[in-house]
């Protein structure tokens, strides 16, 4: 029996007209916002517990949330060079699609080719000035479960900011009269430190080099392997450190043959901002190393490199990023791996009425065109004995080699225990 996803015609959801939502305001972009080209970002929140009329419930709550989160319903304004300048709060709204799937949620979760049907995509690879800042789709399943797919312009917010917004929508869907977090969007109100202009230019240029087709890979790094690595490091190692080191080494072995070629790892870190700030406040910290060192080192030695880089994260805001940022620009794009974590951003706390999601992940597909080679540590997933990773970090021709390296690393460490 074939699985069919039936989508309604897209509608525009704006703030309630009876509240007289003000429009015309300008949200100046922070230096953090300007680091990002207008690339689309997406995520899926999968809920197994049914709620009453999820499509209408979430659509109504979304409209209410836009009263306080006006930039979400605005449009991006760019300059003569097509670089983002500010967000105009036009009140034009969010594009919303309701959908239904002719199967139970469990059947759909085992059909990765169809998961791309659960989110709305922008028509072009980059978001255009006239595009909505946010797209949302709610899909009901025959079992009563539902999936919320969200796609947005990265200039608007990072994943932490989107988690805050979706939590607000969930609170309104549950009938809470007042939001638990008051949103803040102004850079001055958010009390953010500024990023040096040279670093902004360097980071944005890296995201404007064009998108490439990458294989979608969904794997789990077992808790057993993570525990082994932490023990080898004498406890001076986090879950992120261990997982990032494994991904860095396995990908380097799979895609780079020249030992003298740079193979940098970049991990984003959140800059401290005022509680409630939902604009971008994430920076990328590089860890520089040659591919031969990454491929042949012990995992614990790669963890040390990552931890040393963590100690330098404030430097990028005080000394223009030092020399690392310039080295990063000169590195071939495909050599660089970005590893980021969504595990502690609050995405698994989004609740539309019956508890948090079963799983949170970016919309996967067999081949995805992306602006960077990225691995995402997803929030805890029920039934997964470890950390779930969704990656678009290798070209299709390197996917099998990457999977083999991951499997070999896991087996090697587990055998070493006996």
Foldseek 3Di string as FASTA:
>chain_A
DDKDKFKDDKDFAFADVVVVQDFFDKAWFALLLLLAAQAKFKKKFWAQDADPPVQVLLSNLLNNLCSQVQLQQWFFDADPVRRTTITGSHRNGEIEMEMEMAAHPVVVVVVLQCLLVQFDDDPDRGDHRVDRQKYWYWYAYPSRIIMIMIMGTLSFFDPLLVLLSLLSSQCVSQPPPDDPFRADAHCVQFVDQHFPPVLSVLSHVLLPPFWDKFFKDKDFDFPLQLVLLCVVLVNPFDSLLLVQLLLQQLVLVLPPDDQQAKQKEWEKDADRTPTNHGHYRIDIFIQIDGSNCSNPDDSSVSSVSVVVSVVCVVVSSPPVNPCPSVVVSPHPQLSYEYEYEPAPSNQQQRHNHDHGGQWMDGSHHRMDIHSHWYKYFTHDHPPGRGTMIITRRHHPVRVVSSVVSSVVSSVVSVVVVD
